[in-house]
C-alpha atoms as a PDB file:
ATOM      1  CA  MET A   1     -72.281 -43.553   5.339  1.00  0.00           C
ATOM      2  CA  LYS A   2     -72.784 -41.174   8.245  1.00  0.00           C
ATOM      3  CA  THR A   3     -75.739 -41.616  10.540  1.00  0.00           C
ATOM      4  CA  ASP A   4     -77.890 -38.598  11.341  1.00  0.00           C
ATOM      5  CA  LEU A   5     -77.156 -37.761  14.964  1.00  0.00           C
ATOM      6  CA  ASN A   6     -79.886 -35.125  15.120  1.00  0.00           C
ATOM      7  CA  THR A   7     -82.520 -37.713  15.939  1.00  0.00           C
ATOM      8  CA  ASP A   8     -83.230 -39.500  19.175  1.00  0.00           C
ATOM      9  CA  TYR A   9     -82.090 -43.111  19.215  1.00  0.00           C
ATOM     10  CA  ILE A  10     -84.841 -45.507  20.288  1.00  0.00           C
ATOM     11  CA  PRO A  11     -84.219 -49.277  20.077  1.00  0.00           C
ATOM     12  CA  ASP A  12     -87.025 -51.071  18.262  1.00  0.00           C
ATOM     13  CA  PRO A  13     -88.803 -53.340  20.803  1.00  0.00           C
ATOM     14  CA  SER A  14     -90.142 -55.543  18.005  1.00  0.00           C
ATOM     15  CA  LEU A  15     -86.591 -56.784  17.465  1.00  0.00           C
ATOM     16  CA  ASN A  16     -86.536 -58.287  20.945  1.00  0.00           C
ATOM     17  CA  LEU A  17     -89.179 -60.952  20.384  1.00  0.00           C
ATOM     18  CA  HIS A  18     -86.905 -63.968  19.997  1.00  0.00           C
ATOM     19  CA  ALA A  19     -84.918 -65.020  23.026  1.00  0.00           C
ATOM     20  CA  PHE A  20     -83.322 -68.073  24.571  1.00  0.00           C
ATOM     21  CA  GLY A  21     -85.833 -70.884  24.744  1.00  0.00           C
ATOM     22  CA  CYS A  22     -87.587 -69.747  21.564  1.00  0.00           C
ATOM     23  CA  ARG A  23     -88.913 -72.776  19.673  1.00  0.00           C
ATOM     24  CA  CYS A  24     -89.381 -71.193  16.247  1.00  0.00           C
ATOM     25  CA  ALA A  25     -87.721 -72.783  13.242  1.00  0.00           C
ATOM     26  CA  LEU A  26     -85.249 -69.929  12.898  1.00  0.00           C
ATOM     27  CA  HIS A  27     -83.366 -70.706  16.076  1.00  0.00           C
ATOM     28  CA  SER A  28     -81.021 -73.439  17.126  1.00  0.00           C
ATOM     29  CA  ARG A  29     -80.589 -74.705  20.653  1.00  0.00           C
ATOM     30  CA  ARG A  30     -77.858 -72.262  21.637  1.00  0.00           C
ATOM     31  CA  ARG A  31     -78.838 -69.316  19.456  1.00  0.00           C
ATOM     32  CA  PHE A  32     -80.933 -66.296  20.134  1.00  0.00           C
ATOM     33  CA  THR A  33     -81.718 -63.510  17.764  1.00  0.00           C
ATOM     34  CA  ALA A  34     -81.990 -59.983  18.981  1.00  0.00           C
ATOM     35  CA  LEU A  35     -81.456 -57.824  15.943  1.00  0.00           C
ATOM     36  CA  ALA A  36     -80.767 -54.176  16.569  1.00  0.00           C
ATOM     37  CA  ALA A  37     -82.410 -51.225  14.859  1.00  0.00           C
ATOM     38  CA  GLY A  38     -80.980 -47.931  13.681  1.00  0.00           C
ATOM     39  CA  ALA A  39     -82.044 -44.530  14.860  1.00  0.00           C
ATOM     40  CA  GLY A  40     -85.767 -43.902  15.322  1.00  0.00           C
ATOM     41  CA  VAL A  41     -87.328 -40.790  13.881  1.00  0.00           C
ATOM     42  CA  ALA A  42     -88.357 -38.482  16.691  1.00  0.00           C
ATOM     43  CA  ALA A  43     -88.532 -34.829  17.663  1.00  0.00           C
ATOM     44  CA  ALA A  44     -85.246 -32.986  17.921  1.00  0.00           C
ATOM     45  CA  LEU A  45     -83.685 -33.120  21.377  1.00  0.00           C
ATOM     46  CA  PRO A  46     -82.224 -30.226  23.347  1.00  0.00           C
ATOM     47  CA  ALA A  47     -78.533 -29.666  22.721  1.00  0.00           C
ATOM     48  CA  LEU A  48     -77.591 -31.192  26.084  1.00  0.00           C
ATOM     49  CA  ALA A  49     -79.465 -34.392  25.308  1.00  0.00           C
ATOM     50  CA  LEU A  50     -77.746 -34.646  21.941  1.00  0.00           C
ATOM     51  CA  ALA A  51     -74.429 -34.801  23.807  1.00  0.00           C
ATOM     52  CA  ASP A  52     -75.441 -38.024  25.548  1.00  0.00           C
ATOM     53  CA  GLY A  53     -73.350 -41.033  24.665  1.00  0.00           C
ATOM     54  CA  VAL A  54     -69.690 -41.436  23.832  1.00  0.00           C
ATOM     55  CA  ASP A  55     -67.949 -39.923  20.832  1.00  0.00           C
ATOM     56  CA  VAL A  56     -65.870 -42.456  18.914  1.00  0.00           C
ATOM     57  CA  GLY A  57     -66.188 -41.354  15.302  1.00  0.00           C
ATOM     58  CA  GLU A  58     -66.427 -43.555  12.240  1.00  0.00           C
ATOM     59  CA  ARG A  59     -64.610 -46.865  11.818  1.00  0.00           C
ATOM     60  CA  SER A  60     -61.210 -47.097  10.174  1.00  0.00           C
ATOM     61  CA  GLN A  61     -61.216 -47.460   6.404  1.00  0.00           C
ATOM     62  CA  LEU A  62     -58.395 -49.996   6.690  1.00  0.00           C
ATOM     63  CA  SER A  63     -60.990 -52.602   7.621  1.00  0.00           C
ATOM     64  CA  GLY A  64     -62.196 -52.464   4.018  1.00  0.00           C
ATOM     65  CA  LEU A  65     -59.044 -54.254   2.875  1.00  0.00           C
ATOM     66  CA  VAL A  66     -60.322 -57.558   4.263  1.00  0.00           C
ATOM     67  CA  PRO A  67     -63.750 -58.950   3.273  1.00  0.00           C
ATOM     68  CA  ALA A  68     -66.145 -58.906   6.231  1.00  0.00           C
ATOM     69  CA  ASP A  69     -68.053 -62.010   5.200  1.00  0.00           C
ATOM     70  CA  GLU A  70     -64.847 -64.054   5.082  1.00  0.00           C
ATOM     71  CA  ILE A  71     -63.871 -62.932   8.587  1.00  0.00           C
ATOM     72  CA  GLU A  72     -67.334 -63.653   9.970  1.00  0.00           C
ATOM     73  CA  ASN A  73     -67.407 -67.097   8.338  1.00  0.00           C
ATOM     74  CA  ALA A  74     -63.971 -67.872   9.780  1.00  0.00           C
ATOM     75  CA  ALA A  75     -65.153 -66.665  13.193  1.00  0.00           C
ATOM     76  CA  GLN A  76     -68.226 -68.890  12.989  1.00  0.00           C
ATOM     77  CA  GLN A  77     -66.083 -71.930  12.192  1.00  0.00           C
ATOM     78  CA  GLN A  78     -63.576 -71.190  14.951  1.00  0.00           C
ATOM     79  CA  TYR A  79     -66.342 -70.583  17.473  1.00  0.00           C
ATOM     80  CA  ARG A  80     -68.012 -73.889  16.601  1.00  0.00           C
ATOM     81  CA  LYS A  81     -64.695 -75.699  16.968  1.00  0.00           C
ATOM     82  CA  LEU A  82     -64.118 -74.061  20.350  1.00  0.00           C
ATOM     83  CA  LEU A  83     -67.540 -75.171  21.588  1.00  0.00           C
ATOM     84  CA  GLN A  84     -67.065 -78.695  20.221  1.00  0.00           C
ATOM     85  CA  ASP A  85     -63.671 -79.017  21.899  1.00  0.00           C
ATOM     86  CA  ALA A  86     -65.132 -77.752  25.179  1.00  0.00           C
ATOM     87  CA  ALA A  87     -68.049 -80.176  24.911  1.00  0.00           C
ATOM     88  CA  ARG A  88     -65.691 -83.115  24.345  1.00  0.00           C
ATOM     89  CA  GLN A  89     -63.880 -82.146  27.548  1.00  0.00           C
ATOM     90  CA  ASN A  90     -67.190 -81.772  29.386  1.00  0.00           C
ATOM     91  CA  ALA A  91     -66.365 -78.069  29.807  1.00  0.00           C
ATOM     92  CA  LEU A  92     -69.258 -76.478  27.897  1.00  0.00           C
ATOM     93  CA  ALA A  93     -71.904 -75.237  30.312  1.00  0.00           C
ATOM     94  CA  PRO A  94     -75.410 -76.468  29.392  1.00  0.00           C
ATOM     95  CA  ASP A  95     -78.228 -74.099  28.498  1.00  0.00           C
ATOM     96  CA  GLY A  96     -79.787 -74.514  31.928  1.00  0.00           C
ATOM     97  CA  HIS A  97     -76.665 -73.582  33.887  1.00  0.00           C
ATOM     98  CA  PRO A  98     -77.435 -70.580  36.158  1.00  0.00           C
ATOM     99  CA  GLN A  99     -74.480 -68.577  34.839  1.00  0.00           C
ATOM    100  CA  VAL A 100     -75.420 -69.301  31.208  1.00  0.00           C
ATOM    101  CA  ILE A 101     -78.929 -68.053  31.910  1.00  0.00           C
ATOM    102  CA  ARG A 102     -77.417 -65.005  33.553  1.00  0.00           C
ATOM    103  CA  LEU A 103     -75.031 -64.206  30.691  1.00  0.00           C
ATOM    104  CA  ARG A 104     -77.721 -64.597  28.067  1.00  0.00           C
ATOM    105  CA  ALA A 105     -80.182 -62.439  30.006  1.00  0.00           C
ATOM    106  CA  ILE A 106     -77.596 -59.645  30.189  1.00  0.00           C
ATOM    107  CA  ALA A 107     -76.691 -60.046  26.520  1.00  0.00           C
ATOM    108  CA  GLN A 108     -80.333 -59.860  25.524  1.00  0.00           C
ATOM    109  CA  ARG A 109     -80.552 -56.444  27.163  1.00  0.00           C
ATOM    110  CA  LEU A 110     -77.355 -55.183  25.521  1.00  0.00           C
ATOM    111  CA  VAL A 111     -77.932 -56.350  21.949  1.00  0.00           C
ATOM    112  CA  PRO A 112     -80.833 -54.019  21.036  1.00  0.00           C
ATOM    113  CA  HIS A 113     -78.544 -51.018  21.643  1.00  0.00           C
ATOM    114  CA  VAL A 114     -75.600 -51.978  19.457  1.00  0.00           C
ATOM    115  CA  MET A 115     -76.798 -49.805  16.573  1.00  0.00           C
ATOM    116  CA  ALA A 116     -77.001 -46.560  18.563  1.00  0.00           C
ATOM    117  CA  PRO A 117     -75.997 -43.958  15.931  1.00  0.00           C
ATOM    118  CA  ASN A 118     -73.142 -42.409  17.919  1.00  0.00           C
ATOM    119  CA  LEU A 119     -71.333 -45.777  17.997  1.00  0.00           C
ATOM    120  CA  TYR A 120     -70.930 -46.116  14.214  1.00  0.00           C
ATOM    121  CA  SER A 121     -71.154 -49.898  14.496  1.00  0.00           C
ATOM    122  CA  THR A 122     -70.760 -51.960  11.363  1.00  0.00           C
ATOM    123  CA  PRO A 123     -74.152 -52.115   9.591  1.00  0.00           C
ATOM    124  CA  ARG A 124     -73.663 -55.875   9.359  1.00  0.00           C
ATOM    125  CA  ALA A 125     -74.306 -56.127  13.106  1.00  0.00           C
ATOM    126  CA  ALA A 126     -78.016 -55.512  12.523  1.00  0.00           C
ATOM    127  CA  GLN A 127     -78.169 -58.979  10.940  1.00  0.00           C
ATOM    128  CA  TRP A 128     -75.898 -60.898  13.286  1.00  0.00           C
ATOM    129  CA  HIS A 129     -77.184 -63.949  15.159  1.00  0.00           C
ATOM    130  CA  TRP A 130     -75.735 -63.273  18.573  1.00  0.00           C
ATOM    131  CA  GLU A 131     -74.652 -66.210  20.709  1.00  0.00           C
ATOM    132  CA  VAL A 132     -73.342 -66.473  24.264  1.00  0.00           C
ATOM    133  CA  ASN A 133     -71.730 -69.541  25.787  1.00  0.00           C
ATOM    134  CA  LEU A 134     -69.849 -70.342  28.973  1.00  0.00           C
ATOM    135  CA  ILE A 135     -66.694 -72.451  29.033  1.00  0.00           C
ATOM    136  CA  GLY A 136     -65.555 -74.206  32.186  1.00  0.00           C
ATOM    137  CA  SER A 137     -62.048 -72.854  32.590  1.00  0.00           C
ATOM    138  CA  LYS A 138     -60.205 -71.015  35.368  1.00  0.00           C
ATOM    139  CA  GLN A 139     -59.017 -68.410  32.882  1.00  0.00           C
ATOM    140  CA  ILE A 140     -60.050 -64.820  33.557  1.00  0.00           C
ATOM    141  CA  ASN A 141     -61.109 -64.269  29.991  1.00  0.00           C
ATOM    142  CA  ALA A 142     -63.969 -63.391  27.654  1.00  0.00           C
ATOM    143  CA  PHE A 143     -64.259 -62.495  23.974  1.00  0.00           C
ATOM    144  CA  CYS A 144     -66.658 -61.624  21.182  1.00  0.00           C
ATOM    145  CA  MET A 145     -65.778 -62.730  17.666  1.00  0.00           C
ATOM    146  CA  PRO A 146     -66.954 -60.951  14.501  1.00  0.00           C
ATOM    147  CA  GLY A 147     -70.534 -61.933  13.825  1.00  0.00           C
ATOM    148  CA  GLY A 148     -71.543 -61.664  17.492  1.00  0.00           C
ATOM    149  CA  LYS A 149     -70.091 -64.920  18.861  1.00  0.00           C
ATOM    150  CA  ILE A 150     -69.487 -64.390  22.593  1.00  0.00           C
ATOM    151  CA  ALA A 151     -67.776 -66.671  25.088  1.00  0.00           C
ATOM    152  CA  PHE A 152     -67.086 -66.189  28.786  1.00  0.00           C
ATOM    153  CA  TYR A 153     -64.721 -68.348  30.790  1.00  0.00           C
ATOM    154  CA  TYR A 154     -65.980 -69.439  34.191  1.00  0.00           C
ATOM    155  CA  GLY A 155     -62.912 -68.033  35.911  1.00  0.00           C
ATOM    156  CA  ILE A 156     -63.788 -64.416  35.184  1.00  0.00           C
ATOM    157  CA  LEU A 157     -67.179 -64.828  36.874  1.00  0.00           C
ATOM    158  CA  ASP A 158     -65.929 -66.964  39.734  1.00  0.00           C
ATOM    159  CA  GLN A 159     -62.585 -65.432  40.662  1.00  0.00           C
ATOM    160  CA  LEU A 160     -63.655 -61.799  40.292  1.00  0.00           C
ATOM    161  CA  ARG A 161     -67.135 -62.293  41.781  1.00  0.00           C
ATOM    162  CA  LEU A 162     -68.592 -60.073  39.066  1.00  0.00           C
ATOM    163  CA  THR A 163     -71.879 -58.293  39.635  1.00  0.00           C
ATOM    164  CA  ASP A 164     -74.371 -58.025  36.770  1.00  0.00           C
ATOM    165  CA  ASP A 165     -73.220 -54.454  36.124  1.00  0.00           C
ATOM    166  CA  GLU A 166     -69.602 -55.607  35.924  1.00  0.00           C
ATOM    167  CA  VAL A 167     -70.530 -58.497  33.621  1.00  0.00           C
ATOM    168  CA  ALA A 168     -72.265 -55.964  31.378  1.00  0.00           C
ATOM    169  CA  MET A 169     -69.059 -53.887  31.298  1.00  0.00           C
ATOM    170  CA  VAL A 170     -66.987 -56.891  30.209  1.00  0.00           C
ATOM    171  CA  MET A 171     -69.583 -58.029  27.679  1.00  0.00           C
ATOM    172  CA  GLY A 172     -70.107 -54.557  26.241  1.00  0.00           C
ATOM    173  CA  HIS A 173     -66.353 -54.111  25.894  1.00  0.00           C
ATOM    174  CA  GLU A 174     -65.956 -57.376  23.995  1.00  0.00           C
ATOM    175  CA  MET A 175     -69.001 -56.690  21.814  1.00  0.00           C
ATOM    176  CA  ALA A 176     -67.483 -53.311  20.961  1.00  0.00           C
ATOM    177  CA  HIS A 177     -64.423 -54.959  19.378  1.00  0.00           C
ATOM    178  CA  ALA A 178     -66.742 -56.770  16.959  1.00  0.00           C
ATOM    179  CA  LEU A 179     -69.058 -53.809  16.369  1.00  0.00           C
ATOM    180  CA  ARG A 180     -66.170 -51.486  15.568  1.00  0.00           C
ATOM    181  CA  GLU A 181     -64.500 -54.192  13.425  1.00  0.00           C
ATOM    182  CA  HIS A 182     -61.208 -54.024  15.286  1.00  0.00           C
ATOM    183  CA  ALA A 183     -60.161 -57.491  14.130  1.00  0.00           C
ATOM    184  CA  ARG A 184     -60.892 -56.606  10.524  1.00  0.00           C
ATOM    185  CA  GLU A 185     -58.983 -53.338  10.915  1.00  0.00           C
ATOM    186  CA  ARG A 186     -55.960 -55.051  12.465  1.00  0.00           C
ATOM    187  CA  MET A 187     -55.907 -57.598   9.649  1.00  0.00           C
ATOM    188  CA  GLY A 188     -56.167 -54.775   7.125  1.00  0.00           C
ATOM    189  CA  LYS A 189     -53.155 -53.071   8.722  1.00  0.00           C
ATOM    190  CA  SER A 190     -51.289 -56.367   8.696  1.00  0.00           C
ATOM    191  CA  ALA A 191     -52.098 -56.847   5.024  1.00  0.00           C
ATOM    192  CA  VAL A 192     -50.618 -53.453   4.216  1.00  0.00           C
ATOM    193  CA  THR A 193     -47.577 -53.954   6.462  1.00  0.00           C
ATOM    194  CA  ASN A 194     -46.795 -57.374   5.043  1.00  0.00           C
ATOM    195  CA  GLY A 195     -47.462 -56.359   1.483  1.00  0.00           C
ATOM    196  CA  ALA A 196     -50.270 -58.905   1.310  1.00  0.00           C
ATOM    197  CA  ILE A 197     -52.048 -57.233  -1.568  1.00  0.00           C
ATOM    198  CA  GLU A 198     -53.445 -60.669  -2.367  1.00  0.00           C
ATOM    199  CA  ILE A 199     -56.771 -59.817  -0.788  1.00  0.00           C
ATOM    200  CA  GLY A 200     -58.200 -59.156  -4.228  1.00  0.00           C
ATOM    201  CA  ALA A 201     -57.060 -62.597  -5.328  1.00  0.00           C
ATOM    202  CA  ALA A 202     -58.554 -64.061  -2.172  1.00  0.00           C
ATOM    203  CA  LEU A 203     -61.940 -62.745  -3.178  1.00  0.00           C
ATOM    204  CA  LEU A 204     -61.607 -64.874  -6.301  1.00  0.00           C
ATOM    205  CA  GLY A 205     -60.172 -67.849  -4.430  1.00  0.00           C
ATOM    206  CA  LEU A 206     -56.802 -67.434  -6.093  1.00  0.00           C
ATOM    207  CA  GLY A 207     -53.176 -67.510  -4.998  1.00  0.00           C
ATOM    208  CA  ASN A 208     -51.824 -67.148  -1.490  1.00  0.00           C
ATOM    209  CA  GLY A 209     -54.747 -64.944  -0.524  1.00  0.00           C
ATOM    210  CA  GLY A 210     -56.880 -68.044  -0.236  1.00  0.00           C
ATOM    211  CA  ARG A 211     -54.473 -69.468   2.317  1.00  0.00           C
ATOM    212  CA  TYR A 212     -54.436 -66.105   4.118  1.00  0.00           C
ATOM    213  CA  LEU A 213     -58.196 -66.169   4.568  1.00  0.00           C
ATOM    214  CA  ALA A 214     -58.165 -69.852   5.486  1.00  0.00           C
ATOM    215  CA  ASN A 215     -56.023 -68.952   8.505  1.00  0.00           C
ATOM    216  CA  LEU A 216     -58.301 -66.167   9.689  1.00  0.00           C
ATOM    217  CA  GLY A 217     -60.088 -68.309  12.272  1.00  0.00           C
ATOM    218  CA  GLY A 218     -56.922 -69.067  14.186  1.00  0.00           C
ATOM    219  CA  GLN A 219     -55.863 -65.420  14.058  1.00  0.00           C
ATOM    220  CA  LEU A 220     -59.137 -64.282  15.623  1.00  0.00           C
ATOM    221  CA  LEU A 221     -58.397 -66.062  18.909  1.00  0.00           C
ATOM    222  CA  THR A 222     -54.823 -64.773  19.174  1.00  0.00           C
ATOM    223  CA  LEU A 223     -55.209 -61.292  17.685  1.00  0.00           C
ATOM    224  CA  LYS A 224     -53.891 -58.481  19.889  1.00  0.00           C
ATOM    225  CA  PHE A 225     -55.663 -55.151  19.727  1.00  0.00           C
ATOM    226  CA  SER A 226     -53.926 -51.802  20.054  1.00  0.00           C
ATOM    227  CA  ARG A 227     -54.290 -49.580  23.090  1.00  0.00           C
ATOM    228  CA  SER A 228     -56.468 -47.230  21.083  1.00  0.00           C
ATOM    229  CA  ASP A 229     -58.714 -50.183  20.169  1.00  0.00           C
ATOM    230  CA  GLU A 230     -58.972 -51.132  23.840  1.00  0.00           C
ATOM    231  CA  SER A 231     -59.777 -47.587  24.922  1.00  0.00           C
ATOM    232  CA  GLU A 232     -62.402 -47.324  22.200  1.00  0.00           C
ATOM    233  CA  ALA A 233     -63.938 -50.638  23.257  1.00  0.00           C
ATOM    234  CA  ASP A 234     -64.127 -49.381  26.839  1.00  0.00           C
ATOM    235  CA  LYS A 235     -66.040 -46.286  25.716  1.00  0.00           C
ATOM    236  CA  VAL A 236     -68.442 -48.171  23.458  1.00  0.00           C
ATOM    237  CA  GLY A 237     -68.986 -50.854  26.101  1.00  0.00           C
ATOM    238  CA  LEU A 238     -69.881 -48.224  28.694  1.00  0.00           C
ATOM    239  CA  ASP A 239     -72.383 -46.689  26.282  1.00  0.00           C
ATOM    240  CA  ILE A 240     -74.109 -49.959  25.395  1.00  0.00           C
ATOM    241  CA  ALA A 241     -74.302 -51.139  29.001  1.00  0.00           C
ATOM    242  CA  ALA A 242     -75.669 -47.798  30.218  1.00  0.00           C
ATOM    243  CA  ARG A 243     -78.399 -47.828  27.559  1.00  0.00           C
ATOM    244  CA  ALA A 244     -79.312 -51.341  28.721  1.00  0.00           C
ATOM    245  CA  GLY A 245     -79.803 -50.177  32.311  1.00  0.00           C
ATOM    246  CA  TYR A 246     -76.479 -51.280  33.811  1.00  0.00           C
ATOM    247  CA  ASP A 247     -74.546 -48.826  35.954  1.00  0.00           C
ATOM    248  CA  PRO A 248     -71.479 -47.651  33.984  1.00  0.00           C
ATOM    249  CA  ARG A 249     -69.726 -46.787  37.255  1.00  0.00           C
ATOM    250  CA  ALA A 250     -69.220 -50.542  37.573  1.00  0.00           C
ATOM    251  CA  GLY A 251     -66.427 -50.106  35.051  1.00  0.00           C
ATOM    252  CA  VAL A 252     -64.357 -48.635  37.876  1.00  0.00           C
ATOM    253  CA  SER A 253     -64.998 -51.501  40.295  1.00  0.00           C
ATOM    254  CA  LEU A 254     -64.364 -54.007  37.491  1.00  0.00           C
ATOM    255  CA  TRP A 255     -60.882 -52.651  36.839  1.00  0.00           C
ATOM    256  CA  GLN A 256     -60.158 -52.440  40.536  1.00  0.00           C
ATOM    257  CA  LYS A 257     -60.895 -56.163  40.713  1.00  0.00           C
ATOM    258  CA  MET A 258     -58.757 -56.746  37.629  1.00  0.00           C
ATOM    259  CA  ALA A 259     -55.871 -54.882  39.241  1.00  0.00           C
ATOM    260  CA  GLN A 260     -56.189 -57.021  42.345  1.00  0.00           C
ATOM    261  CA  ALA A 261     -56.255 -60.214  40.260  1.00  0.00           C
ATOM    262  CA  SER A 262     -53.154 -59.161  38.318  1.00  0.00           C
ATOM    263  CA  LYS A 263     -50.922 -58.923  41.391  1.00  0.00           C
ATOM    264  CA  GLY A 264     -49.916 -62.515  40.749  1.00  0.00           C
ATOM    265  CA  ALA A 265     -49.648 -63.800  37.199  1.00  0.00           C
ATOM    266  CA  PRO A 266     -51.566 -61.350  34.971  1.00  0.00           C
ATOM    267  CA  PRO A 267     -54.857 -62.840  33.734  1.00  0.00           C
ATOM    268  CA  GLN A 268     -54.968 -63.648  30.021  1.00  0.00           C
ATOM    269  CA  TRP A 269     -57.733 -61.094  29.536  1.00  0.00           C
ATOM    270  CA  LEU A 270     -55.300 -58.387  30.683  1.00  0.00           C
ATOM    271  CA  SER A 271     -52.425 -59.422  28.426  1.00  0.00           C
ATOM    272  CA  THR A 272     -53.312 -56.926  25.674  1.00  0.00           C
ATOM    273  CA  HIS A 273     -54.949 -54.269  27.834  1.00  0.00           C
ATOM    274  CA  PRO A 274     -53.540 -50.971  29.152  1.00  0.00           C
ATOM    275  CA  PRO A 275     -52.789 -50.712  32.899  1.00  0.00           C
ATOM    276  CA  GLY A 276     -55.790 -50.741  35.209  1.00  0.00           C
ATOM    277  CA  SER A 277     -55.089 -47.289  36.666  1.00  0.00           C
ATOM    278  CA  GLU A 278     -55.109 -45.791  33.182  1.00  0.00           C
ATOM    279  CA  ARG A 279     -58.332 -47.599  32.331  1.00  0.00           C
ATOM    280  CA  ILE A 280     -60.049 -46.339  35.452  1.00  0.00           C
ATOM    281  CA  GLN A 281     -59.062 -42.742  34.653  1.00  0.00           C
ATOM    282  CA  GLN A 282     -60.414 -43.066  31.126  1.00  0.00           C
ATOM    283  CA  ILE A 283     -63.658 -44.650  32.346  1.00  0.00           C
ATOM    284  CA  GLU A 284     -64.161 -41.907  34.913  1.00  0.00           C
ATOM    285  CA  ALA A 285     -63.571 -39.298  32.207  1.00  0.00           C
ATOM    286  CA  ASN A 286     -66.322 -40.851  30.066  1.00  0.00           C
ATOM    287  CA  LEU A 287     -68.915 -41.264  32.828  1.00  0.00           C
ATOM    288  CA  PRO A 288     -70.513 -37.840  32.244  1.00  0.00           C
ATOM    289  CA  ALA A 289     -71.345 -38.908  28.688  1.00  0.00           C
ATOM    290  CA  VAL A 290     -73.081 -42.142  29.689  1.00  0.00           C
ATOM    291  CA  LEU A 291     -74.645 -41.509  33.099  1.00  0.00           C
ATOM    292  CA  PRO A 292     -77.609 -39.662  31.495  1.00  0.00           C
ATOM    293  CA  LEU A 293     -78.223 -42.764  29.342  1.00  0.00           C
ATOM    294  CA  TYR A 294     -78.224 -44.938  32.451  1.00  0.00           C
ATOM    295  CA  SER A 295     -80.499 -42.537  34.309  1.00  0.00           C
ATOM    296  CA  ARG A 296     -83.153 -42.741  31.586  1.00  0.00           C
ATOM    297  CA  ALA A 297     -82.797 -46.449  30.812  1.00  0.00           C
ATOM    298  CA  PRO A 298     -85.253 -49.075  32.128  1.00  0.00           C
ATOM    299  CA  LYS A 299     -83.445 -51.166  34.714  1.00  0.00           C
ATOM    300  CA  PRO A 300     -83.301 -54.991  34.711  1.00  0.00           C
ATOM    301  CA  ASP A 301     -86.274 -56.661  36.385  1.00  0.00           C
ATOM    302  CA  GLN A 302     -84.106 -59.519  37.576  1.00  0.00           C
ATOM    303  CA  ARG A 303     -80.675 -59.549  39.147  1.00  0.00           C
ATOM    304  CA  PHE A 304     -78.350 -62.532  39.290  1.00  0.00           C
ATOM    305  CA  GLU A 305     -75.632 -63.631  41.677  1.00  0.00           C
ATOM    306  CA  PRO A 306     -72.070 -64.657  40.802  1.00  0.00           C
ATOM    307  CA  PRO A 307     -71.149 -68.323  41.165  1.00  0.00           C
ATOM    308  CA  ALA A 308     -71.518 -69.650  44.700  1.00  0.00           C
ATOM    309  CA  PRO A 309     -68.158 -69.641  46.515  1.00  0.00           C
ATOM    310  CA  ARG A 310     -66.571 -73.043  46.707  1.00  0.00           C
ATOM    311  CA  PRO A 311     -66.136 -74.412  50.231  1.00  0.00           C
ATOM    312  CA  ALA A 312     -62.590 -74.128  51.511  1.00  0.00           C
ATOM    313  CA  LYS A 313     -60.626 -77.362  51.631  1.00  0.00           C
ATOM    314  CA  ALA A 314     -60.007 -78.689  55.102  1.00  0.00           C
ATOM    315  CA  SER A 315     -56.368 -78.372  56.144  1.00  0.00           C
ATOM    316  CA  PRO A 316     -54.571 -81.679  56.805  1.00  0.00           C
ATOM    317  CA  GLN A 317     -54.407 -82.720  60.452  1.00  0.00           C
END
């Protein structure tokens, strides 16, 4: 169903009441709820204002070949397993870790804007229970699974010395993959390519389709998106971050840092992404659409620092 773009989008502040540290019965220790609203009803804007925000169009219909609830359930299970494994290795950052607080504060600003009407996000996202966790690993990596399950690896914050604006670019990009149902779309394409027309049987728990869905969790961590998916996620991420008060021009500095980091072994996060120079050109081309959003947006009251640099090891005498 198309969303009416002739109204001004205003995130509902009442959906921002529950945050990290909330003690109500609806929230677990590592969960915060920041449900997003649809478009608010307001006076028509001038034509120039209506052009604000990126243009990505509606989501692919191929995603409809795979049931969304099955993918989100598989994502939830895989995410839990990832956190449990990290905890067993003493690699799951606690709630009070400065970088966890930082990531969750940034996420809490981004989440209320995920249903901006020009983004055509999945309607299911309005009911997601978003989570953000930090894993102690040197990997330059981050992801967001369907259902709003976000993880950052310590290496991306530490090695790239990311500013808050750059963190928002990474987070918005990863959120965009989930909002635009890229994983579901890729699995739908795979189902068609492989002749796996057992999805209908899977809905009934029958045949090989059941095994197909049982393996979804593992696929979600290894799934490679297309270049068009990546470019779309860049655009949507810029839009969300700008609405949240983070400077979208940080997308340029982010990819400059990524390019520098990839001079050695390419970081895992870059393994499925187009070249940095191409990304920077695309980001610069989309800045005129999102800078007005940033200009109008309330800016964060608090700014955070990247991880403190580790002291250099003394050279042997």
